[in-house]
Amino acid sequence: MAMLTEEQLLAAPEDDYMNDAQLEFFRNLLLTQAEEVKESLANARAQLASFENEPDELDKASIEEERRMALRFLDRQTKLLPKIMESIKRIDEDDYGFCSVTGEPIGVKRLLLRPTATLCAEEKQRQELKERNYRDA
C-alpha cells in the first residue's frame, strides 16, 4: 500500500476518518518526529557538555544565556517525546484522532499541525477558557 500524501489525507472524505492508510501516515509522521527529537536531545546535551567556564565576564554572560536557552529547549523536547510515544500507542489501540474528553474526531488539519493532540479544537478552547477564567478570578 502506497503512503498517503498530505494532500490525499486532507482530501479524504470525512466518513473515511482514521482509516488504516491515515493511521499509517500519522504513525510514520510520529516515528519520524520521535527520531528527530531524540537526535536534537543528543545534540543539545552535547552542546551543554561543551560549554566551558569563561573567565571573561561578557563571554560568561553570553555562555550562561546560551546554556539557559539550551536547557529550556531540552526541557521542551524531553516533554514532547513521551507525548509522541503515547500518540503511537493510541494508534496501536485504535484510539488515535479522537478527543479524549468528547470522543469527537480531532480532525486531520489539527493533527497535521499537532500530531500529539488529544483534544478536539472545541474542547481545547473550553479548557483554555476555564483556565483563563480561573486565573483571572
N, C-alpha and C. Protein backbone atom coordinates (compact mmCIF):
# COMPACT_ATOMS: atom_id res chain seq x y z
N MET A 1 0.85 -1.18 0.00
CA MET A 1 0.00 0.00 0.00
C MET A 1 0.89 1.24 0.00
N ALA A 2 0.65 2.16 -0.92
CA ALA A 2 1.45 3.38 -1.03
C ALA A 2 1.09 4.33 0.11
N MET A 3 2.09 5.05 0.55
CA MET A 3 1.91 6.02 1.63
C MET A 3 1.10 7.21 1.13
N LEU A 4 0.12 7.65 1.92
CA LEU A 4 -0.67 8.82 1.56
C LEU A 4 0.20 10.07 1.59
N THR A 5 -0.15 11.02 0.74
CA THR A 5 0.49 12.34 0.83
C THR A 5 -0.39 13.21 1.73
N GLU A 6 0.15 14.33 2.15
CA GLU A 6 -0.62 15.25 2.97
C GLU A 6 -1.87 15.73 2.22
N GLU A 7 -1.73 15.96 0.91
CA GLU A 7 -2.86 16.41 0.10
C GLU A 7 -3.96 15.35 0.05
N GLN A 8 -3.55 14.09 -0.14
CA GLN A 8 -4.54 13.00 -0.17
C GLN A 8 -5.23 12.87 1.19
N LEU A 9 -4.47 13.05 2.23
CA LEU A 9 -5.00 12.97 3.58
C LEU A 9 -6.07 14.03 3.78
N LEU A 10 -5.78 15.26 3.36
CA LEU A 10 -6.73 16.36 3.52
C LEU A 10 -7.94 16.22 2.61
N ALA A 11 -7.78 15.54 1.47
CA ALA A 11 -8.87 15.39 0.51
C ALA A 11 -9.79 14.21 0.84
N ALA A 12 -9.40 13.36 1.78
CA ALA A 12 -10.19 12.17 2.10
C ALA A 12 -11.57 12.56 2.65
N PRO A 13 -12.61 11.79 2.29
CA PRO A 13 -13.95 12.08 2.81
C PRO A 13 -14.01 11.89 4.33
N GLU A 14 -14.87 12.70 4.98
CA GLU A 14 -14.97 12.65 6.44
C GLU A 14 -15.37 11.28 6.97
N ASP A 15 -16.21 10.56 6.21
CA ASP A 15 -16.66 9.25 6.69
C ASP A 15 -15.57 8.19 6.57
N ASP A 16 -14.42 8.58 6.03
CA ASP A 16 -13.27 7.69 5.93
C ASP A 16 -12.21 8.04 6.99
N TYR A 17 -12.62 8.83 7.98
CA TYR A 17 -11.72 9.36 9.00
C TYR A 17 -11.00 8.24 9.77
N MET A 18 -9.71 8.38 9.88
CA MET A 18 -8.81 7.48 10.60
C MET A 18 -8.90 6.04 10.10
N ASN A 19 -8.90 5.90 8.78
CA ASN A 19 -8.81 4.57 8.19
C ASN A 19 -7.36 4.08 8.31
N ASP A 20 -7.09 2.87 7.85
CA ASP A 20 -5.75 2.29 8.01
C ASP A 20 -4.65 3.13 7.37
N ALA A 21 -4.93 3.68 6.18
CA ALA A 21 -3.92 4.47 5.47
C ALA A 21 -3.62 5.77 6.24
N GLN A 22 -4.65 6.38 6.79
CA GLN A 22 -4.44 7.61 7.58
C GLN A 22 -3.67 7.30 8.86
N LEU A 23 -4.03 6.23 9.51
CA LEU A 23 -3.32 5.85 10.74
C LEU A 23 -1.84 5.58 10.44
N GLU A 24 -1.59 4.92 9.31
CA GLU A 24 -0.21 4.63 8.91
C GLU A 24 0.56 5.93 8.62
N PHE A 25 -0.11 6.89 7.98
CA PHE A 25 0.51 8.19 7.72
C PHE A 25 0.95 8.83 9.03
N PHE A 26 0.04 8.86 10.01
CA PHE A 26 0.35 9.51 11.28
C PHE A 26 1.38 8.71 12.10
N ARG A 27 1.34 7.38 11.99
CA ARG A 27 2.36 6.57 12.67
C ARG A 27 3.75 6.94 12.13
N ASN A 28 3.88 7.00 10.81
CA ASN A 28 5.17 7.36 10.21
C ASN A 28 5.60 8.77 10.59
N LEU A 29 4.65 9.69 10.58
CA LEU A 29 4.94 11.08 10.96
C LEU A 29 5.45 11.14 12.41
N LEU A 30 4.77 10.43 13.29
CA LEU A 30 5.16 10.42 14.71
C LEU A 30 6.50 9.72 14.93
N LEU A 31 6.72 8.61 14.22
CA LEU A 31 8.01 7.91 14.36
C LEU A 31 9.16 8.81 13.88
N THR A 32 8.93 9.54 12.78
CA THR A 32 9.94 10.48 12.28
C THR A 32 10.19 11.58 13.31
N GLN A 33 9.12 12.11 13.88
CA GLN A 33 9.27 13.15 14.90
C GLN A 33 10.02 12.62 16.11
N ALA A 34 9.74 11.40 16.52
CA ALA A 34 10.42 10.81 17.67
C ALA A 34 11.92 10.73 17.41
N GLU A 35 12.29 10.30 16.22
CA GLU A 35 13.72 10.22 15.87
C GLU A 35 14.36 11.60 15.87
N GLU A 36 13.65 12.59 15.32
CA GLU A 36 14.17 13.96 15.29
C GLU A 36 14.36 14.51 16.70
N VAL A 37 13.40 14.23 17.58
CA VAL A 37 13.50 14.69 18.97
C VAL A 37 14.68 14.02 19.67
N LYS A 38 14.84 12.72 19.46
CA LYS A 38 15.97 12.01 20.08
C LYS A 38 17.29 12.60 19.61
N GLU A 39 17.40 12.88 18.31
CA GLU A 39 18.62 13.48 17.76
C GLU A 39 18.87 14.86 18.35
N SER A 40 17.82 15.68 18.40
CA SER A 40 18.01 17.03 18.93
C SER A 40 18.31 17.00 20.41
N LEU A 41 17.78 16.03 21.15
CA LEU A 41 18.13 15.89 22.57
C LEU A 41 19.61 15.56 22.72
N ALA A 42 20.08 14.63 21.91
CA ALA A 42 21.50 14.24 21.97
C ALA A 42 22.39 15.44 21.62
N ASN A 43 22.00 16.20 20.58
CA ASN A 43 22.78 17.38 20.20
C ASN A 43 22.78 18.44 21.30
N ALA A 44 21.61 18.67 21.90
CA ALA A 44 21.51 19.68 22.96
C ALA A 44 22.33 19.27 24.18
N ARG A 45 22.30 17.99 24.51
CA ARG A 45 23.11 17.52 25.64
C ARG A 45 24.60 17.69 25.34
N ALA A 46 24.99 17.38 24.12
CA ALA A 46 26.40 17.54 23.72
C ALA A 46 26.80 19.01 23.77
N GLN A 47 25.90 19.88 23.33
CA GLN A 47 26.18 21.32 23.36
C GLN A 47 26.34 21.80 24.80
N LEU A 48 25.46 21.34 25.70
CA LEU A 48 25.56 21.73 27.10
C LEU A 48 26.88 21.26 27.70
N ALA A 49 27.26 20.05 27.35
CA ALA A 49 28.51 19.50 27.88
C ALA A 49 29.73 20.25 27.37
N SER A 50 29.59 20.88 26.20
CA SER A 50 30.75 21.54 25.59
C SER A 50 30.97 22.96 26.10
N PHE A 51 29.98 23.53 26.82
CA PHE A 51 30.17 24.89 27.34
C PHE A 51 31.33 24.89 28.32
N GLU A 52 32.19 25.87 28.16
CA GLU A 52 33.35 25.98 29.04
C GLU A 52 33.15 27.14 30.00
N ASN A 53 33.80 27.07 31.12
CA ASN A 53 33.79 28.21 32.03
C ASN A 53 34.70 29.28 31.46
N GLU A 54 34.13 30.43 31.24
CA GLU A 54 34.85 31.53 30.59
C GLU A 54 35.20 32.58 31.64
N PRO A 55 36.49 32.94 31.72
CA PRO A 55 36.88 33.93 32.73
C PRO A 55 36.38 35.35 32.40
N ASP A 56 36.21 35.66 31.14
CA ASP A 56 35.75 36.99 30.73
C ASP A 56 34.27 37.13 31.10
N GLU A 57 33.91 38.22 31.80
CA GLU A 57 32.54 38.41 32.29
C GLU A 57 31.51 38.50 31.16
N LEU A 58 31.83 39.19 30.06
CA LEU A 58 30.88 39.29 28.94
C LEU A 58 30.67 37.94 28.28
N ASP A 59 31.75 37.22 28.07
CA ASP A 59 31.62 35.88 27.49
C ASP A 59 30.85 34.96 28.44
N LYS A 60 31.10 35.11 29.72
CA LYS A 60 30.43 34.29 30.73
C LYS A 60 28.92 34.52 30.67
N ALA A 61 28.50 35.78 30.57
CA ALA A 61 27.07 36.10 30.49
C ALA A 61 26.46 35.52 29.22
N SER A 62 27.18 35.63 28.13
CA SER A 62 26.70 35.11 26.86
C SER A 62 26.55 33.59 26.92
N ILE A 63 27.55 32.94 27.49
CA ILE A 63 27.52 31.47 27.62
C ILE A 63 26.38 31.04 28.54
N GLU A 64 26.16 31.79 29.62
CA GLU A 64 25.06 31.46 30.54
C GLU A 64 23.71 31.57 29.84
N GLU A 65 23.55 32.60 29.00
CA GLU A 65 22.29 32.76 28.26
C GLU A 65 22.12 31.60 27.28
N GLU A 66 23.17 31.23 26.58
CA GLU A 66 23.10 30.08 25.66
C GLU A 66 22.75 28.81 26.42
N ARG A 67 23.35 28.64 27.58
CA ARG A 67 23.09 27.45 28.40
C ARG A 67 21.63 27.43 28.84
N ARG A 68 21.12 28.59 29.27
CA ARG A 68 19.73 28.68 29.72
C ARG A 68 18.77 28.33 28.56
N MET A 69 19.07 28.84 27.37
CA MET A 69 18.23 28.53 26.20
C MET A 69 18.31 27.05 25.85
N ALA A 70 19.49 26.47 25.94
CA ALA A 70 19.66 25.05 25.64
C ALA A 70 18.89 24.20 26.65
N LEU A 71 18.91 24.61 27.91
CA LEU A 71 18.17 23.86 28.94
C LEU A 71 16.66 23.96 28.71
N ARG A 72 16.20 25.14 28.32
CA ARG A 72 14.77 25.30 28.04
C ARG A 72 14.36 24.42 26.86
N PHE A 73 15.19 24.40 25.82
CA PHE A 73 14.93 23.56 24.65
C PHE A 73 14.91 22.09 25.06
N LEU A 74 15.90 21.68 25.85
CA LEU A 74 15.97 20.29 26.33
C LEU A 74 14.71 19.92 27.10
N ASP A 75 14.25 20.83 27.95
CA ASP A 75 13.07 20.58 28.76
C ASP A 75 11.84 20.35 27.86
N ARG A 76 11.67 21.22 26.86
CA ARG A 76 10.53 21.09 25.94
C ARG A 76 10.60 19.77 25.17
N GLN A 77 11.77 19.45 24.64
CA GLN A 77 11.93 18.23 23.85
C GLN A 77 11.73 16.99 24.74
N THR A 78 12.21 17.05 25.97
CA THR A 78 12.07 15.93 26.90
C THR A 78 10.60 15.67 27.21
N LYS A 79 9.80 16.73 27.25
CA LYS A 79 8.36 16.57 27.49
C LYS A 79 7.62 16.11 26.24
N LEU A 80 8.15 16.45 25.06
CA LEU A 80 7.48 16.10 23.81
C LEU A 80 7.60 14.60 23.49
N LEU A 81 8.75 14.02 23.78
CA LEU A 81 8.98 12.61 23.41
C LEU A 81 7.92 11.66 24.00
N PRO A 82 7.59 11.74 25.30
CA PRO A 82 6.54 10.84 25.81
C PRO A 82 5.18 11.08 25.15
N LYS A 83 4.89 12.33 24.78
CA LYS A 83 3.61 12.62 24.10
C LYS A 83 3.58 11.94 22.74
N ILE A 84 4.71 11.94 22.05
CA ILE A 84 4.79 11.28 20.74
C ILE A 84 4.59 9.77 20.92
N MET A 85 5.26 9.19 21.92
CA MET A 85 5.16 7.75 22.15
C MET A 85 3.72 7.38 22.56
N GLU A 86 3.08 8.23 23.34
CA GLU A 86 1.70 8.00 23.75
C GLU A 86 0.76 8.05 22.53
N SER A 87 1.04 8.95 21.60
CA SER A 87 0.23 9.04 20.38
C SER A 87 0.37 7.77 19.54
N ILE A 88 1.58 7.26 19.44
CA ILE A 88 1.80 6.00 18.70
C ILE A 88 1.04 4.86 19.38
N LYS A 89 1.04 4.86 20.70
CA LYS A 89 0.29 3.84 21.45
C LYS A 89 -1.22 3.96 21.17
N ARG A 90 -1.71 5.22 21.07
CA ARG A 90 -3.13 5.41 20.76
C ARG A 90 -3.46 4.89 19.35
N ILE A 91 -2.51 5.01 18.43
CA ILE A 91 -2.72 4.44 17.09
C ILE A 91 -2.84 2.93 17.21
N ASP A 92 -1.94 2.31 17.97
CA ASP A 92 -1.96 0.86 18.17
C ASP A 92 -3.27 0.39 18.81
N GLU A 93 -3.84 1.23 19.68
CA GLU A 93 -5.07 0.87 20.38
C GLU A 93 -6.31 1.35 19.64
N ASP A 94 -6.13 1.85 18.42
CA ASP A 94 -7.24 2.32 17.58
C ASP A 94 -8.02 3.46 18.25
N ASP A 95 -7.31 4.31 18.96
CA ASP A 95 -7.93 5.39 19.72
C ASP A 95 -7.43 6.75 19.23
N TYR A 96 -6.58 6.74 18.22
CA TYR A 96 -5.93 7.97 17.75
C TYR A 96 -6.88 8.81 16.92
N GLY A 97 -6.78 10.14 17.09
CA GLY A 97 -7.55 11.05 16.25
C GLY A 97 -8.89 11.43 16.84
N PHE A 98 -9.19 10.94 18.04
CA PHE A 98 -10.47 11.25 18.67
C PHE A 98 -10.23 11.93 20.01
N CYS A 99 -11.05 12.92 20.31
CA CYS A 99 -10.92 13.71 21.53
C CYS A 99 -11.05 12.81 22.76
N SER A 100 -10.11 12.95 23.68
CA SER A 100 -10.13 12.10 24.88
C SER A 100 -11.24 12.49 25.84
N VAL A 101 -11.87 13.66 25.65
CA VAL A 101 -12.96 14.09 26.51
C VAL A 101 -14.32 13.83 25.87
N THR A 102 -14.48 14.28 24.62
CA THR A 102 -15.80 14.20 23.97
C THR A 102 -15.97 13.00 23.06
N GLY A 103 -14.85 12.40 22.62
CA GLY A 103 -14.91 11.29 21.68
C GLY A 103 -15.10 11.74 20.23
N GLU A 104 -15.22 13.05 20.02
CA GLU A 104 -15.38 13.61 18.66
C GLU A 104 -14.06 13.51 17.90
N PRO A 105 -14.12 13.47 16.57
CA PRO A 105 -12.88 13.50 15.78
C PRO A 105 -12.10 14.79 16.04
N ILE A 106 -10.80 14.67 16.18
CA ILE A 106 -9.93 15.84 16.37
C ILE A 106 -9.80 16.58 15.05
N GLY A 107 -9.74 15.85 13.97
CA GLY A 107 -9.65 16.45 12.63
C GLY A 107 -8.25 16.34 12.06
N VAL A 108 -8.18 16.04 10.78
CA VAL A 108 -6.91 15.83 10.10
C VAL A 108 -6.06 17.10 10.11
N LYS A 109 -6.68 18.26 9.85
CA LYS A 109 -5.90 19.51 9.82
C LYS A 109 -5.22 19.76 11.16
N ARG A 110 -5.97 19.59 12.24
CA ARG A 110 -5.40 19.82 13.58
C ARG A 110 -4.29 18.81 13.87
N LEU A 111 -4.49 17.56 13.47
CA LEU A 111 -3.48 16.53 13.73
C LEU A 111 -2.22 16.75 12.89
N LEU A 112 -2.38 17.33 11.70
CA LEU A 112 -1.19 17.65 10.91
C LEU A 112 -0.37 18.74 11.58
N LEU A 113 -1.06 19.70 12.19
CA LEU A 113 -0.37 20.78 12.90
C LEU A 113 0.22 20.30 14.22
N ARG A 114 -0.52 19.44 14.93
CA ARG A 114 -0.10 18.93 16.23
C ARG A 114 -0.47 17.46 16.32
N PRO A 115 0.42 16.59 15.80
CA PRO A 115 0.10 15.15 15.76
C PRO A 115 -0.10 14.51 17.13
N THR A 116 0.32 15.18 18.19
CA THR A 116 0.15 14.63 19.54
C THR A 116 -1.13 15.13 20.22
N ALA A 117 -1.97 15.87 19.49
CA ALA A 117 -3.20 16.42 20.07
C ALA A 117 -4.09 15.30 20.60
N THR A 118 -4.65 15.53 21.77
CA THR A 118 -5.59 14.57 22.36
C THR A 118 -6.98 15.17 22.51
N LEU A 119 -7.09 16.47 22.22
CA LEU A 119 -8.38 17.16 22.36
C LEU A 119 -8.79 17.78 21.04
N CYS A 120 -10.09 17.75 20.74
CA CYS A 120 -10.59 18.47 19.57
C CYS A 120 -10.47 19.96 19.86
N ALA A 121 -10.50 20.77 18.84
CA ALA A 121 -10.30 22.21 18.99
C ALA A 121 -11.32 22.82 19.95
N GLU A 122 -12.56 22.39 19.87
CA GLU A 122 -13.61 22.96 20.73
C GLU A 122 -13.33 22.67 22.20
N GLU A 123 -12.94 21.44 22.51
CA GLU A 123 -12.64 21.07 23.90
C GLU A 123 -11.41 21.83 24.40
N LYS A 124 -10.39 21.95 23.54
CA LYS A 124 -9.18 22.68 23.92
C LYS A 124 -9.54 24.13 24.24
N GLN A 125 -10.40 24.74 23.43
CA GLN A 125 -10.83 26.12 23.68
C GLN A 125 -11.59 26.22 25.00
N ARG A 126 -12.48 25.24 25.26
CA ARG A 126 -13.22 25.25 26.54
C ARG A 126 -12.26 25.19 27.72
N GLN A 127 -11.26 24.31 27.64
CA GLN A 127 -10.31 24.17 28.74
C GLN A 127 -9.47 25.43 28.92
N GLU A 128 -9.04 26.03 27.81
CA GLU A 128 -8.26 27.26 27.90
C GLU A 128 -9.09 28.39 28.47
N LEU A 129 -10.36 28.46 28.11
CA LEU A 129 -11.25 29.48 28.65
C LEU A 129 -11.43 29.30 30.16
N LYS A 130 -11.63 28.06 30.58
CA LYS A 130 -11.73 27.76 32.02
C LYS A 130 -10.47 28.19 32.76
N GLU A 131 -9.31 27.84 32.19
CA GLU A 131 -8.03 28.21 32.82
C GLU A 131 -7.90 29.72 32.92
N ARG A 132 -8.27 30.43 31.83
CA ARG A 132 -8.17 31.88 31.83
C ARG A 132 -9.10 32.47 32.88
N ASN A 133 -10.34 31.97 32.95
CA ASN A 133 -11.30 32.47 33.95
C ASN A 133 -10.79 32.18 35.35
N TYR A 134 -10.21 31.01 35.53
CA TYR A 134 -9.69 30.62 36.84
C TYR A 134 -8.54 31.54 37.25
N ARG A 135 -7.65 31.83 36.30
CA ARG A 135 -6.51 32.71 36.57
C ARG A 135 -6.96 34.13 36.88
N ASP A 136 -7.96 34.60 36.12
CA ASP A 136 -8.43 35.98 36.27
C ASP A 136 -9.29 36.17 37.52
N ALA A 137 -9.80 35.07 38.07
CA ALA A 137 -10.69 35.19 39.24
C ALA A 137 -9.91 35.53 40.50
